Protein backbone atom coordinates (compact mmCIF):
# COMPACT_ATOMS: atom_id res chain seq x y z
CA UNK A 1 -32.89 -50.19 -3.04
CA UNK A 2 -35.21 -49.92 -5.81
CA UNK A 3 -33.57 -48.90 -8.99
CA UNK A 4 -35.44 -45.05 -8.69
CA UNK A 5 -33.65 -44.45 -5.51
CA UNK A 6 -30.21 -45.00 -7.20
CA UNK A 7 -30.41 -42.42 -10.18
CA UNK A 8 -30.18 -39.41 -7.47
CA UNK A 9 -26.55 -41.37 -6.40
CA UNK A 10 -25.27 -42.27 -9.31
CA UNK A 11 -26.64 -39.05 -11.15
CA UNK A 12 -24.40 -37.17 -8.50
CA UNK A 13 -21.03 -39.41 -8.65
CA UNK A 14 -21.13 -38.54 -12.62
CA UNK A 15 -21.87 -34.88 -11.84
CA UNK A 16 -18.71 -35.20 -9.28
CA UNK A 17 -16.66 -37.16 -11.92
CA UNK A 18 -16.69 -34.59 -14.69
CA UNK A 19 -16.50 -31.23 -12.18
CA UNK A 20 -12.78 -33.30 -10.86
CA UNK A 21 -12.38 -33.56 -14.33
CA UNK A 22 -12.93 -30.60 -15.19
CA UNK A 23 -10.22 -28.86 -12.51
CA UNK A 24 -7.93 -31.54 -13.72
CA UNK A 25 -7.81 -30.57 -16.86
CA UNK A 26 -6.96 -27.21 -15.82
CA UNK A 27 -3.83 -28.71 -13.80
CA UNK A 28 -3.12 -30.82 -16.78
CA UNK A 29 -3.42 -27.62 -19.01
CA UNK A 30 -0.67 -25.76 -16.23
CA UNK A 31 1.21 -28.48 -15.54
CA UNK A 32 1.70 -31.01 -18.30
CA UNK A 33 4.95 -31.78 -19.44
CA UNK A 34 4.47 -31.02 -23.30
CA UNK A 35 1.15 -29.16 -25.25
CA UNK A 36 0.60 -32.86 -26.68
CA UNK A 37 0.57 -34.21 -23.48
CA UNK A 38 -1.68 -31.65 -22.10
CA UNK A 39 -4.46 -31.77 -25.22
CA UNK A 40 -4.57 -35.45 -24.55
CA UNK A 41 -5.11 -35.37 -20.79
CA UNK A 42 -7.77 -32.72 -21.45
CA UNK A 43 -9.76 -34.96 -23.88
CA UNK A 44 -9.65 -37.72 -22.03
CA UNK A 45 -10.56 -35.60 -18.56
CA UNK A 46 -12.96 -34.34 -20.00
CA UNK A 47 -14.74 -36.91 -22.52
CA UNK A 48 -14.07 -40.10 -19.60
CA UNK A 49 -13.36 -38.36 -16.48
CA UNK A 50 -13.60 -41.66 -14.28
CA UNK A 51 -11.44 -43.31 -16.85
CA UNK A 52 -8.99 -40.65 -16.89
CA UNK A 53 -8.88 -39.20 -13.28
CA UNK A 54 -7.19 -41.96 -11.49
CA UNK A 55 -4.56 -42.12 -14.74
CA UNK A 56 -3.84 -39.03 -14.80
CA UNK A 57 -3.14 -38.98 -10.87
CA UNK A 58 -0.67 -41.79 -11.45
CA UNK A 59 0.96 -41.31 -14.31
CA UNK A 60 0.19 -37.90 -15.61
CA UNK A 61 2.96 -36.04 -13.91
CA UNK A 62 6.75 -36.31 -14.48
CA UNK A 63 7.93 -33.58 -11.96
CA UNK A 64 8.08 -34.90 -8.31
CA UNK A 65 7.85 -31.61 -6.31
CA UNK A 66 8.25 -33.43 -2.81
CA UNK A 67 11.37 -34.35 -3.42
CA UNK A 68 12.41 -31.06 -4.62
CA UNK A 69 10.95 -29.41 -1.87
CA UNK A 70 13.03 -32.25 0.77
CA UNK A 71 15.89 -31.54 -0.87
CA UNK A 72 15.98 -27.82 -0.69
CA UNK A 73 15.40 -28.02 2.94
CA UNK A 74 18.25 -30.87 3.45
CA UNK A 75 20.81 -28.58 1.06
CA UNK A 76 19.70 -26.07 3.24
CA UNK A 77 20.69 -27.44 6.68
CA UNK A 78 24.00 -28.61 5.25
CA UNK A 79 24.64 -25.90 3.39
CA UNK A 80 27.99 -24.96 5.20
CA UNK A 81 29.09 -28.76 4.64
CA UNK A 82 28.29 -28.54 0.88
CA UNK A 83 30.39 -25.18 0.46
CA UNK A 84 33.18 -26.84 2.18
CA UNK A 85 32.82 -29.40 -0.33
CA UNK A 86 32.89 -27.34 -3.21
CA UNK A 87 36.14 -25.81 -2.05
CA UNK A 88 37.68 -29.56 -1.60
CA UNK A 89 36.21 -30.24 -5.35
CA UNK A 90 38.60 -27.67 -6.55
CA UNK A 91 41.65 -29.08 -5.07
CA UNK A 92 41.15 -31.81 -7.73
CA UNK A 93 40.68 -29.51 -11.14
CA UNK A 94 40.06 -31.56 -14.35
CA UNK A 95 42.16 -32.74 -16.89
CA UNK A 96 39.63 -32.89 -19.69
CA UNK A 97 40.07 -34.93 -23.02
CA UNK A 98 38.96 -33.19 -26.25
CA UNK A 99 35.43 -34.76 -26.32
CA UNK A 100 35.52 -34.17 -22.28
CA UNK A 101 36.08 -30.60 -22.96
CA UNK A 102 33.03 -30.75 -25.92
CA UNK A 103 30.61 -31.85 -23.08
CA UNK A 104 31.68 -30.14 -19.94
CA UNK A 105 28.66 -27.99 -19.68
CA UNK A 106 27.42 -31.37 -18.14
CA UNK A 107 28.76 -30.72 -14.60
CA UNK A 108 25.51 -27.77 -14.83
CA UNK A 109 23.13 -30.72 -14.71
CA UNK A 110 25.01 -32.39 -12.42
CA UNK A 111 25.66 -29.75 -9.58
CA UNK A 112 29.06 -30.92 -9.51
CA UNK A 113 32.31 -30.85 -11.25
CA UNK A 114 34.61 -32.56 -12.84
CA UNK A 115 37.16 -33.66 -10.97
CA UNK A 116 40.81 -35.32 -11.37
CA UNK A 117 42.29 -38.09 -9.67
CA UNK A 118 39.77 -40.81 -9.91
CA UNK A 119 39.78 -44.40 -10.60
CA UNK A 120 37.32 -46.17 -12.66
CA UNK A 121 36.92 -50.40 -12.67
CA UNK A 122 34.69 -51.63 -15.57
CA UNK A 123 33.09 -55.05 -14.05
CA UNK A 124 31.35 -57.05 -16.25
CA UNK A 125 28.66 -59.12 -15.32
CA UNK A 126 27.96 -60.54 -11.65
CA UNK A 127 30.64 -62.83 -10.57
CA UNK A 128 33.31 -59.92 -10.89
CA UNK A 129 30.41 -57.30 -9.51
CA UNK A 130 29.38 -59.34 -6.56
CA UNK A 131 33.30 -59.90 -5.88
CA UNK A 132 33.85 -56.21 -5.96
CA UNK A 133 31.12 -55.57 -3.81
CA UNK A 134 31.92 -57.65 -1.44
CA UNK A 135 35.62 -56.73 -1.25
CA UNK A 136 34.58 -53.30 -0.73
CA UNK A 137 31.49 -54.06 1.91
CA UNK A 138 34.88 -56.30 3.54
CA UNK A 139 37.08 -52.86 3.54
CA UNK A 140 34.75 -50.56 5.35
CA UNK A 141 35.61 -49.46 9.31
CA UNK A 142 32.99 -46.22 9.67
CA UNK A 143 29.94 -46.86 7.62
CA UNK A 144 28.16 -48.31 4.55
CA UNK A 145 25.72 -46.97 2.28
CA UNK A 146 23.45 -49.61 0.52
CA UNK A 147 20.76 -48.47 -2.27
CA UNK A 148 19.20 -50.81 -4.65
CA UNK A 149 15.70 -50.66 -7.06
CA UNK A 150 15.48 -54.77 -6.20
CA UNK A 151 16.73 -56.84 -3.32
CA UNK A 152 16.03 -60.40 -3.56
CA UNK A 153 16.09 -62.87 -0.43
CA UNK A 154 17.85 -65.77 -2.53
CA UNK A 155 21.11 -67.36 -2.85
CA UNK A 156 23.43 -63.90 -3.91
CA UNK A 157 20.89 -62.02 -1.38
CA UNK A 158 21.87 -63.91 1.37
CA UNK A 159 25.32 -63.68 0.56
CA UNK A 160 25.34 -60.02 0.46
CA UNK A 161 23.06 -59.74 3.61
CA UNK A 162 25.89 -61.76 5.29
CA UNK A 163 28.88 -59.19 4.20
CA UNK A 164 26.58 -55.89 5.89
CA UNK A 165 25.74 -57.96 8.66
CA UNK A 166 29.85 -58.78 9.79
CA UNK A 167 30.25 -54.82 8.66
CA UNK A 168 28.19 -54.11 11.37
CA UNK A 169 29.31 -56.49 13.67
CA UNK A 170 32.73 -55.15 13.51
CA UNK A 171 31.64 -51.20 14.64
CA UNK A 172 30.56 -49.88 11.32
CA UNK A 173 26.68 -47.92 10.86
CA UNK A 174 25.58 -49.81 8.00
CA UNK A 175 22.08 -47.96 5.87
CA UNK A 176 19.88 -50.03 3.40
CA UNK A 177 17.61 -47.90 1.22
CA UNK A 178 15.49 -49.74 -0.76
CA UNK A 179 12.86 -49.09 -3.60
CA UNK A 180 8.98 -49.60 -2.51
CA UNK A 181 8.25 -50.41 -5.88
CA UNK A 182 10.87 -52.53 -7.06
CA UNK A 183 11.54 -54.05 -4.09
CA UNK A 184 8.45 -56.48 -4.58
CA UNK A 185 7.46 -58.75 -2.68
CA UNK A 186 9.52 -57.32 0.13
CA UNK A 187 12.54 -59.36 1.33
CA UNK A 188 10.83 -59.68 5.28
CA UNK A 189 13.20 -62.18 6.63
CA UNK A 190 16.53 -60.34 5.17
CA UNK A 191 15.04 -57.16 6.83
CA UNK A 192 14.26 -58.88 10.14
CA UNK A 193 17.96 -59.96 9.93
CA UNK A 194 19.53 -56.42 9.01
CA UNK A 195 16.79 -54.99 12.43
CA UNK A 196 18.79 -57.87 14.42
CA UNK A 197 21.59 -56.72 13.38
CA UNK A 198 21.17 -53.07 14.25
CA UNK A 199 21.46 -52.25 10.66
CA UNK A 200 19.54 -48.88 9.63
CA UNK A 201 16.68 -49.72 6.36
CA UNK A 202 14.18 -47.27 4.87
CA UNK A 203 12.06 -47.68 1.85
CA UNK A 204 12.35 -45.13 -1.00
CA UNK A 205 8.45 -44.44 -1.25
CA UNK A 206 7.31 -41.40 -3.37
CA UNK A 207 3.80 -41.63 -1.88
CA UNK A 208 4.76 -40.82 1.02
CA UNK A 209 2.76 -37.57 2.10
CA UNK A 210 -0.95 -36.02 1.00
CA UNK A 211 0.17 -34.44 -1.94
CA UNK A 212 2.28 -37.69 -2.94
CA UNK A 213 0.03 -40.55 -2.70
CA UNK A 214 -0.76 -41.48 -5.89
CA UNK A 215 2.54 -40.76 -7.70
CA UNK A 216 3.45 -44.38 -8.06
CA UNK A 217 5.12 -43.95 -10.96
CA UNK A 218 8.26 -42.70 -10.11
CA UNK A 219 10.91 -45.14 -8.83
CA UNK A 220 14.83 -44.74 -7.22
CA UNK A 221 16.23 -47.10 -9.70
CA UNK A 222 19.67 -46.62 -8.65
CA UNK A 223 22.37 -49.36 -7.52
CA UNK A 224 24.99 -47.88 -4.99
CA UNK A 225 27.32 -49.62 -2.47
CA UNK A 226 29.06 -46.43 -0.61
CA UNK A 227 32.15 -46.88 1.68
CA UNK A 228 33.66 -44.69 4.15
CA UNK A 229 33.40 -42.01 1.40
CA UNK A 230 36.77 -43.49 -0.11
CA UNK A 231 34.94 -45.94 -2.47
CA UNK A 232 31.67 -46.69 -4.22
CA UNK A 233 30.34 -49.16 -6.45
CA UNK A 234 27.26 -48.14 -9.17
CA UNK A 235 25.70 -49.62 -12.29
CA UNK A 236 23.34 -52.29 -13.84
CA UNK A 237 23.21 -55.24 -11.12
CA UNK A 238 20.60 -55.21 -8.44
CA UNK A 239 20.91 -58.16 -5.98
CA UNK A 240 19.15 -60.97 -7.20
CA UNK A 241 20.08 -64.03 -8.69
CA UNK A 242 19.19 -63.53 -12.01
CA UNK A 243 21.71 -60.95 -12.23
CA UNK A 244 24.03 -63.78 -11.65
CA UNK A 245 22.84 -65.40 -14.65
CA UNK A 246 20.25 -67.97 -12.89
CA UNK A 247 17.18 -66.82 -14.55
CA UNK A 248 14.89 -69.57 -16.29
CA UNK A 249 13.44 -67.11 -17.94
CA UNK A 250 16.19 -65.68 -19.87
CA UNK A 251 19.13 -67.49 -18.99
CA UNK A 252 22.93 -65.67 -19.13
CA UNK A 253 22.24 -62.50 -17.84
CA UNK A 254 24.81 -60.16 -19.51
CA UNK A 255 25.46 -57.03 -17.15
CA UNK A 256 27.94 -54.07 -16.57
CA UNK A 257 28.63 -52.22 -13.18
CA UNK A 258 31.75 -50.19 -11.92
CA UNK A 259 33.79 -49.48 -9.22
CA UNK A 260 35.30 -45.82 -8.68
CA UNK A 261 37.71 -44.49 -6.22
CA UNK A 262 38.22 -40.64 -5.77
CA UNK A 263 36.56 -37.16 -5.62
CA UNK A 264 33.58 -38.43 -7.36
CA UNK A 265 32.64 -41.19 -4.54
CA UNK A 266 31.87 -37.48 -2.95
CA UNK A 267 29.42 -36.76 -5.35
CA UNK A 268 27.54 -40.14 -5.19
CA UNK A 269 27.66 -40.04 -1.48
CA UNK A 270 25.65 -36.60 -2.00
CA UNK A 271 23.28 -38.34 -3.85
CA UNK A 272 22.43 -41.13 -1.68
CA UNK A 273 22.27 -38.67 0.92
CA UNK A 274 19.78 -36.64 -0.64
CA UNK A 275 17.47 -40.12 -1.29
CA UNK A 276 18.17 -41.09 2.07
CA UNK A 277 17.16 -37.38 3.76
CA UNK A 278 13.77 -38.09 1.76
CA UNK A 279 13.15 -41.51 2.87
CA UNK A 280 14.12 -40.75 6.79
CA UNK A 281 13.88 -37.11 7.03
CA UNK A 282 17.67 -37.27 8.32
CA UNK A 283 21.30 -37.21 6.76
CA UNK A 284 23.64 -39.78 8.86
CA UNK A 285 26.87 -38.14 9.78
CA UNK A 286 29.29 -39.37 6.79
CA UNK A 287 33.07 -38.47 5.86
CA UNK A 288 33.43 -35.53 3.42
CA UNK A 289 37.07 -35.57 2.78
CA UNK A 290 37.78 -36.07 -1.13
CA UNK A 291 40.84 -37.92 -1.48
CA UNK A 292 42.52 -38.85 -5.22
CA UNK A 293 42.86 -42.40 -5.79
CA UNK A 294 45.98 -43.88 -5.14
CA UNK A 295 46.93 -46.03 -8.03
CA UNK A 296 45.34 -43.26 -11.37
CA UNK A 297 44.22 -39.93 -11.95
CA UNK A 298 41.47 -40.13 -14.35
CA UNK A 299 38.66 -36.93 -14.24
CA UNK A 300 35.31 -38.50 -13.82
CA UNK A 301 31.79 -36.68 -13.45
CA UNK A 302 28.79 -38.13 -11.45
CA UNK A 303 25.87 -37.26 -13.11
CA UNK A 304 22.40 -37.83 -10.80
CA UNK A 305 19.21 -37.66 -12.47
CA UNK A 306 15.78 -37.64 -12.12
CA UNK A 307 12.39 -35.98 -11.59
CA UNK A 308 13.68 -33.57 -8.99
CA UNK A 309 15.58 -32.28 -11.29
CA UNK A 310 15.08 -28.52 -12.91
CA UNK A 311 16.06 -30.06 -16.99
CA UNK A 312 15.61 -33.38 -18.08
CA UNK A 313 19.12 -34.78 -16.98
CA UNK A 314 19.32 -38.13 -18.46
CA UNK A 315 18.02 -37.05 -21.90
CA UNK A 316 20.15 -34.02 -22.21
CA UNK A 317 23.41 -36.19 -21.23
CA UNK A 318 22.75 -38.48 -24.11
CA UNK A 319 21.47 -35.43 -26.62
CA UNK A 320 25.00 -34.09 -25.77
CA UNK A 321 27.01 -37.10 -26.32
CA UNK A 322 25.52 -37.21 -29.47
CA UNK A 323 26.01 -33.89 -30.78
CA UNK A 324 29.79 -34.16 -29.67
CA UNK A 325 30.27 -37.13 -30.94
CA UNK A 326 33.30 -36.18 -33.88
CA UNK A 327 33.81 -40.27 -34.80
CA UNK A 328 31.30 -42.88 -32.64
CA UNK A 329 28.55 -42.74 -30.12
CA UNK A 330 27.91 -46.40 -28.87
CA UNK A 331 25.27 -46.72 -26.94
CA UNK A 332 24.19 -50.20 -24.60
CA UNK A 333 20.45 -50.23 -22.95
CA UNK A 334 18.36 -53.14 -22.70
CA UNK A 335 15.78 -50.98 -24.14
CA UNK A 336 15.37 -48.90 -26.57
CA UNK A 337 12.50 -46.16 -26.43
CA UNK A 338 13.89 -42.82 -27.33
CA UNK A 339 11.61 -39.72 -27.14
CA UNK A 340 12.10 -36.86 -29.85
CA UNK A 341 14.92 -34.90 -28.84
CA UNK A 342 17.29 -38.49 -28.78
CA UNK A 343 15.83 -39.84 -31.57
CA UNK A 344 16.42 -36.51 -33.51
CA UNK A 345 19.83 -36.82 -31.75
CA UNK A 346 20.80 -39.38 -32.97
CA UNK A 347 19.80 -39.06 -36.67
CA UNK A 348 21.65 -35.69 -36.78
CA UNK A 349 24.59 -37.48 -35.21
CA UNK A 350 24.63 -40.83 -38.07
CA UNK A 351 23.63 -38.11 -40.65
CA UNK A 352 27.18 -36.06 -40.33
CA UNK A 353 28.96 -39.31 -40.55
CA UNK A 354 29.20 -40.36 -36.97
CA UNK A 355 29.15 -43.89 -36.22
CA UNK A 356 26.48 -44.06 -34.20
CA UNK A 357 25.49 -47.64 -32.67
CA UNK A 358 22.89 -49.45 -30.33
CA UNK A 359 23.25 -52.31 -28.55
CA UNK A 360 20.14 -54.07 -27.36
CA UNK A 361 19.14 -57.16 -26.23
CA UNK A 362 17.63 -60.16 -28.62
CA UNK A 363 15.67 -61.68 -25.59
CA UNK A 364 12.67 -59.81 -23.67
CA UNK A 365 12.11 -59.39 -20.43
CA UNK A 366 9.12 -57.10 -20.81
CA UNK A 367 6.85 -57.90 -23.17
CA UNK A 368 5.69 -54.33 -23.76
CA UNK A 369 9.34 -52.73 -24.05
CA UNK A 370 10.49 -54.85 -26.17
CA UNK A 371 7.54 -54.21 -28.55
CA UNK A 372 7.87 -50.41 -28.55
CA UNK A 373 11.37 -50.61 -29.55
CA UNK A 374 10.24 -51.45 -32.83
CA UNK A 375 8.05 -48.80 -33.76
CA UNK A 376 11.48 -46.83 -33.72
CA UNK A 377 13.90 -49.04 -35.67
CA UNK A 378 13.49 -47.62 -39.02
CA UNK A 379 13.10 -43.97 -38.41
CA UNK A 380 16.61 -44.65 -37.03
CA UNK A 381 18.23 -46.28 -39.36
CA UNK A 382 17.04 -44.66 -42.05
CA UNK A 383 19.38 -42.23 -40.71
CA UNK A 384 21.98 -44.39 -40.32
CA UNK A 385 22.01 -45.35 -37.02
CA UNK A 386 23.19 -49.08 -36.79
CA UNK A 387 20.89 -51.23 -34.40
CA UNK A 388 23.09 -54.90 -32.63
CA UNK A 389 20.95 -57.08 -31.19
CA UNK A 390 23.14 -59.13 -28.37
CA UNK A 391 21.85 -63.16 -28.56
CA UNK A 392 23.41 -64.99 -25.29
CA UNK A 393 20.85 -64.35 -22.78
CA UNK A 394 19.01 -61.10 -21.98
CA UNK A 395 21.65 -57.67 -22.03
CA UNK A 396 21.21 -55.41 -18.97
CA UNK A 397 23.67 -53.70 -19.40
CA UNK A 398 23.71 -49.37 -19.41
CA UNK A 399 27.42 -48.33 -21.22
CA UNK A 400 27.88 -45.31 -23.35
CA UNK A 401 31.19 -44.85 -25.81
CA UNK A 402 31.75 -41.13 -27.53
CA UNK A 403 34.87 -41.28 -29.62
CA UNK A 404 37.99 -43.15 -27.64
CA UNK A 405 38.34 -40.79 -24.47
CA UNK A 406 34.86 -40.22 -23.13
CA UNK A 407 32.70 -43.61 -21.45
CA UNK A 408 29.93 -43.86 -19.01
CA UNK A 409 28.70 -46.63 -17.24
CA UNK A 410 25.61 -46.37 -15.25
CA UNK A 411 21.97 -46.93 -13.63
CA UNK A 412 20.10 -44.90 -16.77
CA UNK A 413 18.31 -46.78 -20.11
CA UNK A 414 17.55 -45.58 -23.27
CA UNK A 415 14.12 -44.84 -22.32
CA UNK A 416 11.29 -42.41 -21.27
CA UNK A 417 10.92 -43.93 -17.79
CA UNK A 418 14.93 -43.24 -17.06
CA UNK A 419 14.77 -39.90 -19.18
CA UNK A 420 12.63 -38.39 -17.09
CA UNK A 421 10.60 -40.30 -14.53
CA UNK A 422 13.39 -42.39 -12.30
CA UNK A 423 16.17 -41.68 -10.39
CA UNK A 424 19.05 -43.17 -12.11
CA UNK A 425 23.15 -42.29 -11.70
CA UNK A 426 25.66 -42.26 -14.65
CA UNK A 427 29.24 -41.94 -14.18
CA UNK A 428 31.52 -40.20 -16.78
CA UNK A 429 35.16 -40.54 -17.37
CA UNK A 430 36.96 -38.27 -19.85
CA UNK A 431 39.95 -40.99 -19.94
CA UNK A 432 41.39 -43.12 -22.92
CA UNK A 433 42.23 -45.75 -20.35
CA UNK A 434 38.81 -45.97 -18.75
CA UNK A 435 37.31 -45.23 -22.55
CA UNK A 436 39.61 -48.49 -23.51
CA UNK A 437 37.85 -50.92 -20.93
CA UNK A 438 34.31 -49.56 -22.49
CA UNK A 439 35.71 -50.57 -26.02
CA UNK A 440 36.91 -53.67 -24.85
CA UNK A 441 33.97 -54.30 -23.27
CA UNK A 442 31.60 -52.91 -26.66
CA UNK A 443 33.55 -55.13 -29.11
CA UNK A 444 33.30 -58.42 -26.98
CA UNK A 445 29.62 -57.66 -26.89
CA UNK A 446 29.32 -56.66 -30.38
CA UNK A 447 30.69 -59.99 -31.48
CA UNK A 448 27.88 -61.59 -30.06
CA UNK A 449 25.89 -59.52 -31.89
CA UNK A 450 23.88 -59.40 -34.85
CA UNK A 451 22.90 -56.09 -36.55
CA UNK A 452 19.47 -55.61 -37.51
CA UNK A 453 19.03 -55.80 -41.38
CA UNK A 454 16.55 -52.42 -42.27
CA UNK A 455 13.29 -52.67 -40.56
CA UNK A 456 10.21 -51.68 -42.14
CA UNK A 457 7.04 -52.09 -39.57
CA UNK A 458 4.55 -51.41 -42.27
CA UNK A 459 5.75 -54.88 -44.37
CA UNK A 460 4.78 -56.78 -41.17
CA UNK A 461 1.92 -58.33 -40.04
CA UNK A 462 -1.02 -56.83 -38.97
CA UNK A 463 -1.17 -58.63 -35.95
CA UNK A 464 2.61 -57.57 -35.55
CA UNK A 465 1.58 -53.85 -36.08
CA UNK A 466 -0.60 -53.88 -33.61
CA UNK A 467 1.54 -55.34 -30.96
CA UNK A 468 3.67 -52.55 -31.84
CA UNK A 469 1.48 -49.48 -32.11
CA UNK A 470 -0.01 -51.08 -28.61
CA UNK A 471 3.02 -51.36 -26.75
CA UNK A 472 3.91 -47.48 -28.63
CA UNK A 473 0.44 -46.28 -26.94
CA UNK A 474 2.24 -46.45 -23.24
CA UNK A 475 6.08 -45.35 -24.45
CA UNK A 476 5.92 -42.02 -22.38
CA UNK A 477 5.96 -44.02 -19.25
CA UNK A 478 8.05 -47.16 -20.38
């Protein structure tokens, strides 16, 4: 086709792109999370619509409205059951520690109460975690609910699959929910094995439906194994050989998981059921009878968080912990990318004399997030925040310790993706014995770490500064 015949077509495409850019800019003004984000998107959409349009529809929104509507529909159908569950939770009133009392309002973010009668067991690293998970699955008599961000069909994945197949063969109903972004490549052989055993498998796909087709930015980062509504395992470990320390890239993999008994398990189950309902439109028949753990009486709160929440529950949890700490607030996370409110909270806590420490890996698994962290170290250290870098391998643990009586383990990293884009889950215990378990774990890790000396980005090479500032451009989605 002669060039002069292409001109009208190209002109029409450019005009359409600019029209869509204007309409999308209006959408950004109405729905962007912050005014700064709205300004940035509007400039890009008006000036470079061909480039900015796909970026906005993939990365520009932090609220998962499709999930919100699905949650409301599922809750409406199960309203009577949930009311009965609330009444049963009332039979386990909390026995809160002083710090627990100060953060009691977190139950408003969690949409479930603090309950007593729980027991939490901290699991350090892969062997302890998978031994506990396999033992838990082996106790199943009615059903097993599984949810993972990553499922690999490797050595540990094969053992995990075998345990689920054995449970199905015993007559248990088994449900496996996997994230369609995290599970790439898809473990087809494992899924065929599940199908042959009668195991129900579903993918958590945020793009479901026309309105959600571009939403690849939302991910389900939860890792859950739950049995009979009585015991659950939650934490940082996915299913893969690297979580057993077999990664050639990072070697030793330092991680933390948690096994929970008691009324808190019903709150974990409720979050799992909401995710399964989004993926399948169904809610399986489940046991909703909270009972106290037989060997402990700890007070716990389950805080599911994600882009369907009314508030930014995950970041607000960290802000509240930092605000209410009187002696110390120690946080372990593989990534350190605070937003404005969490940075302000840690600075204020350190300035008033609280021992604020962050334990992060010295090794890196992702280039962007590792470099982005260096852009925040200086501002945190100037206020008195202490940064410790774990040396032997990669630290992937997500843990929190406030004073001597509040500890938490979960799936949430200290970054913007966990704060507002990922579905996460954190289990908090207002209990001195549990906090002691977390403290012992921190002390062991700190002994294998070094404290980062005062860091000044401006004193580094221009090339390093460029890499850090380039990575920080993506901080909102890391």
